[in-house]
Amino acid sequence: MRALVSGGSSGIGASACLRIAEAALARGSQPKIAVCGQTPNATQDEVVRTIKAMGGVAISLSGDLGDPAVPEQLVAAAVAEFGGLDTLVANAGIASPGAICDLSIEEWDDMFAVNLRGAWLLAKASYPHLRESRGSACFTSSMSGQLPHAGSGAYSPTKAALTMLAQTLALEWAPDGIRVNVVSPGMTHTPMSEKMYADPQIKKAREGIIPLGRIGEPMDIANVIEFLVSPLAGFVTGQDICVDGGFSKSILSHIPGRPSSKA
């Protein structure tokens, strides 16, 4: 399993690197993982060391996906090291809250450059290699790309567009035997959301509206990513799986006076 994981230095991406490596080893295949981050950092190095300690091969790559030259450079470096590519996990993303009409053109463009254009260029550079291996790709979107999220700035629009990009690629690449799917995390405890969940009242309030009663962890999302890029999902493509503890399907249960499953 030769995989490139963007945003692989922490949070969901780091967990995805480790889960893909673990699963590949369990199948008797040596994982070769390109752990990509914006800039070199200690967490990224630890992910690489952990994969190597497991018996896999890992390299650390870095670059700002907002730079249109970087995605192709990352793919080229991974392919040069591994001799090809079986899986792309386009996970990197940025968030900046705010009202849509308060955004500057630069803020809007920066969000789309990383969250959408960066993923597109990674896919474009990966395509010939995935075609050769009849591989797979998974894009990390968000439940905020399935439902409008007021105050999230350009984040919801970028994630909605990312989902459509991935599902369009799923159809275009299907004749080449390449599968493309999407995972859409719900409320998840990551470095990006650390400050939010450091407030016990906010954490408790959020847990209270999630049917499964807890905030998601990065490995919850990584488990689904690994499934989608693995042979177990060999007949699954073009799907968007929301991993949110049931939250997005619970809206009707919050209407006052309606029946509830709670006592």
Protein backbone atom coordinates (compact mmCIF):
# COMPACT_ATOMS: atom_id res chain seq x y z
CA MET A 1 0.00 0.00 0.00
CA ARG A 2 1.68 3.18 -1.26
CA ALA A 3 -0.23 6.17 0.06
CA LEU A 4 0.09 9.93 0.13
CA VAL A 5 -1.80 11.65 2.95
CA SER A 6 -2.07 15.44 2.91
CA GLY A 7 -2.61 17.07 6.27
CA GLY A 8 -0.95 13.96 7.67
CA SER A 9 1.08 15.62 10.39
CA SER A 10 -1.66 15.80 13.05
CA GLY A 11 -5.29 15.11 13.87
CA ILE A 12 -7.34 13.10 11.39
CA GLY A 13 -4.51 12.92 8.85
CA ALA A 14 -1.99 11.54 11.34
CA SER A 15 -4.50 8.94 12.52
CA ALA A 16 -5.23 8.01 8.90
CA CYS A 17 -1.51 7.44 8.23
CA LEU A 18 -1.25 5.12 11.22
CA ARG A 19 -4.50 3.27 10.52
CA ILE A 20 -3.64 2.69 6.84
CA ALA A 21 -0.22 1.38 7.84
CA GLU A 22 -1.66 -0.89 10.52
CA ALA A 23 -4.30 -2.34 8.19
CA ALA A 24 -1.82 -2.90 5.36
CA LEU A 25 0.47 -4.83 7.68
CA ALA A 26 -2.46 -6.93 8.89
CA ARG A 27 -3.15 -7.84 5.24
CA GLY A 28 0.48 -8.87 4.76
CA SER A 29 1.39 -5.81 2.70
CA GLN A 30 4.18 -3.38 3.55
CA PRO A 31 2.80 0.16 3.89
CA LYS A 32 4.67 3.00 2.28
CA ILE A 33 3.23 6.29 3.50
CA ALA A 34 4.08 9.86 2.48
CA VAL A 35 3.13 11.94 5.51
CA CYS A 36 2.53 15.46 4.22
CA GLY A 37 2.25 18.64 6.25
CA GLN A 38 2.40 22.35 5.63
CA THR A 39 5.76 22.73 7.36
CA PRO A 40 8.11 20.20 9.00
CA ASN A 41 7.18 19.62 12.64
CA ALA A 42 7.78 17.24 15.53
CA THR A 43 4.34 15.64 15.32
CA GLN A 44 4.88 14.77 11.68
CA ASP A 45 8.26 13.24 12.54
CA GLU A 46 6.62 11.16 15.25
CA VAL A 47 4.08 9.76 12.79
CA VAL A 48 6.92 8.76 10.46
CA ARG A 49 8.85 7.13 13.31
CA THR A 50 5.78 5.21 14.46
CA ILE A 51 5.11 3.79 11.00
CA LYS A 52 8.72 2.73 10.67
CA ALA A 53 8.61 1.09 14.11
CA MET A 54 5.54 -0.87 12.97
CA GLY A 55 7.54 -2.29 10.06
CA GLY A 56 6.42 0.12 7.37
CA VAL A 57 8.15 2.73 5.22
CA ALA A 58 7.37 6.39 5.72
CA ILE A 59 8.68 9.71 4.48
CA SER A 60 7.98 13.25 5.60
CA LEU A 61 7.02 15.80 2.95
CA SER A 62 5.99 19.41 3.41
CA GLY A 63 4.55 22.29 1.44
CA ASP A 64 1.72 24.81 1.43
CA LEU A 65 -1.14 23.48 -0.70
CA GLY A 66 -2.16 27.07 -1.30
CA ASP A 67 0.86 27.24 -3.62
CA PRO A 68 -0.29 25.71 -6.93
CA ALA A 69 3.16 24.19 -7.54
CA VAL A 70 3.21 22.19 -4.30
CA PRO A 71 0.66 19.40 -4.96
CA GLU A 72 2.53 18.12 -8.01
CA GLN A 73 5.82 18.33 -6.10
CA LEU A 74 4.43 16.24 -3.23
CA VAL A 75 3.10 13.55 -5.57
CA ALA A 76 6.34 13.48 -7.56
CA ALA A 77 8.40 13.05 -4.39
CA ALA A 78 6.18 10.21 -3.14
CA VAL A 79 6.23 8.41 -6.49
CA ALA A 80 10.01 8.78 -6.77
CA GLU A 81 10.41 7.20 -3.33
CA PHE A 82 7.79 4.44 -3.64
CA GLY A 83 7.82 3.69 -7.36
CA GLY A 84 4.12 4.48 -7.72
CA LEU A 85 0.99 5.31 -5.77
CA ASP A 86 -1.98 3.20 -4.70
CA THR A 87 -3.90 5.68 -2.58
CA LEU A 88 -4.41 9.42 -2.25
CA VAL A 89 -5.93 10.77 0.96
CA ALA A 90 -6.67 14.46 0.35
CA ASN A 91 -7.21 15.49 3.94
CA ALA A 92 -5.55 18.88 4.38
CA GLY A 93 -7.82 21.82 5.04
CA ILE A 94 -8.05 25.16 6.81
CA ALA A 95 -10.91 26.92 8.58
CA SER A 96 -11.51 30.57 9.41
CA PRO A 97 -14.89 31.54 10.92
CA GLY A 98 -16.74 34.67 9.94
CA ALA A 99 -19.81 36.00 8.17
CA ILE A 100 -19.68 35.48 4.40
CA CYS A 101 -20.16 39.16 3.58
CA ASP A 102 -17.44 40.17 6.01
CA LEU A 103 -14.80 38.13 4.20
CA SER A 104 -12.17 39.81 2.09
CA ILE A 105 -11.44 38.52 -1.39
CA GLU A 106 -8.09 37.30 -0.07
CA GLU A 107 -9.71 35.31 2.75
CA TRP A 108 -12.18 33.73 0.34
CA ASP A 109 -9.45 32.87 -2.16
CA ASP A 110 -7.10 31.49 0.48
CA MET A 111 -9.73 29.05 1.74
CA PHE A 112 -10.60 27.83 -1.74
CA ALA A 113 -6.92 27.60 -2.70
CA VAL A 114 -6.17 25.09 0.06
CA ASN A 115 -9.44 23.26 0.60
CA LEU A 116 -10.50 22.88 -3.02
CA ARG A 117 -7.79 23.78 -5.53
CA GLY A 118 -5.11 22.01 -3.52
CA ALA A 119 -7.16 18.81 -3.42
CA TRP A 120 -7.92 19.07 -7.14
CA LEU A 121 -4.25 19.51 -8.03
CA LEU A 122 -3.27 16.58 -5.80
CA ALA A 123 -5.84 14.45 -7.61
CA LYS A 124 -4.70 15.68 -11.01
CA ALA A 125 -1.05 14.85 -10.25
CA SER A 126 -1.97 11.48 -8.73
CA TYR A 127 -4.25 10.35 -11.54
CA PRO A 128 -1.73 8.66 -13.88
CA HIS A 129 -0.23 6.73 -10.96
CA LEU A 130 -3.60 5.68 -9.55
CA ARG A 131 -4.64 4.63 -13.05
CA GLU A 132 -1.59 2.40 -13.29
CA SER A 133 -2.26 0.79 -9.90
CA ARG A 134 -6.08 0.85 -10.24
CA GLY A 135 -5.98 2.55 -6.89
CA SER A 136 -8.27 4.69 -4.75
CA ALA A 137 -8.69 8.15 -3.31
CA CYS A 138 -10.50 9.56 -0.30
CA PHE A 139 -11.27 13.24 0.25
CA THR A 140 -11.94 14.67 3.71
CA SER A 141 -14.91 17.00 3.49
CA SER A 142 -17.18 17.89 6.42
CA MET A 143 -20.77 17.70 7.60
CA SER A 144 -20.52 21.48 7.06
CA GLY A 145 -20.27 20.66 3.36
CA GLN A 146 -23.55 18.71 3.57
CA LEU A 147 -25.42 21.32 5.59
CA PRO A 148 -25.05 25.11 5.57
CA HIS A 149 -23.09 26.34 8.58
CA ALA A 150 -23.66 30.03 9.23
CA GLY A 151 -20.62 31.82 10.56
CA SER A 152 -18.13 29.36 9.10
CA GLY A 153 -16.94 31.81 6.47
CA ALA A 154 -15.99 30.12 3.20
CA TYR A 155 -15.50 26.75 4.91
CA SER A 156 -18.92 25.27 4.08
CA PRO A 157 -18.78 26.39 0.43
CA THR A 158 -15.30 24.91 0.00
CA LYS A 159 -16.32 21.60 1.53
CA ALA A 160 -19.51 21.35 -0.51
CA ALA A 161 -17.46 21.98 -3.64
CA LEU A 162 -14.86 19.44 -2.51
CA THR A 163 -17.50 16.75 -2.17
CA MET A 164 -18.79 17.46 -5.67
CA LEU A 165 -15.23 17.44 -7.03
CA ALA A 166 -14.61 14.00 -5.53
CA GLN A 167 -17.90 12.56 -6.73
CA THR A 168 -17.30 13.88 -10.24
CA LEU A 169 -13.84 12.29 -10.22
CA ALA A 170 -15.44 9.03 -9.06
CA LEU A 171 -17.44 8.91 -12.28
CA GLU A 172 -14.63 10.10 -14.54
CA TRP A 173 -12.09 7.69 -13.06
CA ALA A 174 -14.34 4.64 -12.71
CA PRO A 175 -13.47 3.32 -16.23
CA ASP A 176 -9.83 3.28 -15.10
CA GLY A 177 -10.70 1.18 -12.07
CA ILE A 178 -10.00 4.03 -9.62
CA ARG A 179 -12.40 4.42 -6.72
CA VAL A 180 -13.02 7.86 -5.18
CA ASN A 181 -14.98 8.49 -1.99
CA VAL A 182 -15.55 11.17 0.63
CA VAL A 183 -15.58 11.13 4.42
CA SER A 184 -17.41 14.00 6.13
CA PRO A 185 -16.48 14.35 9.81
CA GLY A 186 -18.90 15.81 12.29
CA MET A 187 -17.84 17.35 15.59
CA THR A 188 -14.37 15.92 16.15
CA HIS A 189 -11.68 16.65 18.74
CA THR A 190 -8.61 17.66 16.72
CA PRO A 191 -5.82 20.22 17.17
CA MET A 192 -7.94 22.61 15.08
CA SER A 193 -10.83 22.34 17.55
CA GLU A 194 -8.75 21.98 20.72
CA LYS A 195 -9.60 25.42 22.11
CA MET A 196 -13.31 24.79 21.62
CA TYR A 197 -13.33 21.54 23.58
CA ALA A 198 -11.12 22.96 26.32
CA ASP A 199 -14.30 24.72 27.50
CA PRO A 200 -16.16 22.04 29.52
CA GLN A 201 -19.54 23.74 29.09
CA ILE A 202 -19.26 23.82 25.30
CA LYS A 203 -18.03 20.24 25.23
CA LYS A 204 -20.90 19.03 27.41
CA ALA A 205 -23.48 20.98 25.38
CA ARG A 206 -22.20 19.50 22.13
CA GLU A 207 -22.14 15.99 23.54
CA GLY A 208 -25.73 16.50 24.60
CA ILE A 209 -26.98 16.95 21.03
CA ILE A 210 -25.03 14.05 19.51
CA PRO A 211 -27.12 10.86 19.59
CA LEU A 212 -24.09 8.71 20.46
CA GLY A 213 -23.30 11.09 23.31
CA ARG A 214 -19.68 11.93 22.63
CA ILE A 215 -17.37 14.05 20.48
CA GLY A 216 -15.62 12.18 17.70
CA GLU A 217 -11.92 11.36 17.86
CA PRO A 218 -9.51 11.44 14.89
CA MET A 219 -9.33 7.65 14.80
CA ASP A 220 -13.11 7.47 14.35
CA ILE A 221 -12.63 9.26 11.04
CA ALA A 222 -9.42 7.44 10.17
CA ASN A 223 -11.16 4.07 10.48
CA VAL A 224 -13.63 5.10 7.77
CA ILE A 225 -10.90 6.53 5.54
CA GLU A 226 -8.97 3.27 5.78
CA PHE A 227 -12.06 1.26 4.89
CA LEU A 228 -12.80 3.44 1.87
CA VAL A 229 -9.29 3.11 0.42
CA SER A 230 -8.97 -0.59 1.28
CA PRO A 231 -9.89 -3.69 -0.74
CA LEU A 232 -12.91 -4.12 1.56
CA ALA A 233 -14.54 -1.18 -0.26
CA GLY A 234 -13.74 -2.59 -3.70
CA PHE A 235 -17.28 -1.92 -5.00
CA VAL A 236 -17.75 1.45 -3.28
CA THR A 237 -17.20 4.68 -5.19
CA GLY A 238 -18.76 8.14 -5.33
CA GLN A 239 -20.01 7.93 -1.74
CA ASP A 240 -19.97 10.56 1.01
CA ILE A 241 -19.99 9.00 4.49
CA CYS A 242 -20.82 11.37 7.33
CA VAL A 243 -19.08 10.31 10.55
CA ASP A 244 -20.86 12.42 13.16
CA GLY A 245 -22.36 10.14 15.80
CA GLY A 246 -25.79 10.57 14.22
CA PHE A 247 -25.94 14.33 14.71
CA SER A 248 -26.85 15.41 11.18
CA LYS A 249 -29.77 12.97 11.07
CA SER A 250 -31.14 14.08 14.45
CA ILE A 251 -32.54 17.49 13.47
CA LEU A 252 -36.20 16.50 13.84
CA SER A 253 -35.59 15.27 17.38
CA HIS A 254 -34.73 18.84 18.41
CA ILE A 255 -38.18 20.21 17.53
CA PRO A 256 -39.98 21.12 20.79
CA GLY A 257 -43.06 19.02 21.45
CA ARG A 258 -42.30 16.23 18.97
CA PRO A 259 -41.83 12.60 20.03
CA SER A 260 -38.31 11.74 21.17
CA SER A 261 -36.42 8.53 21.74
CA LYS A 262 -35.29 9.94 25.09
CA ALA A 263 -37.25 9.15 28.24
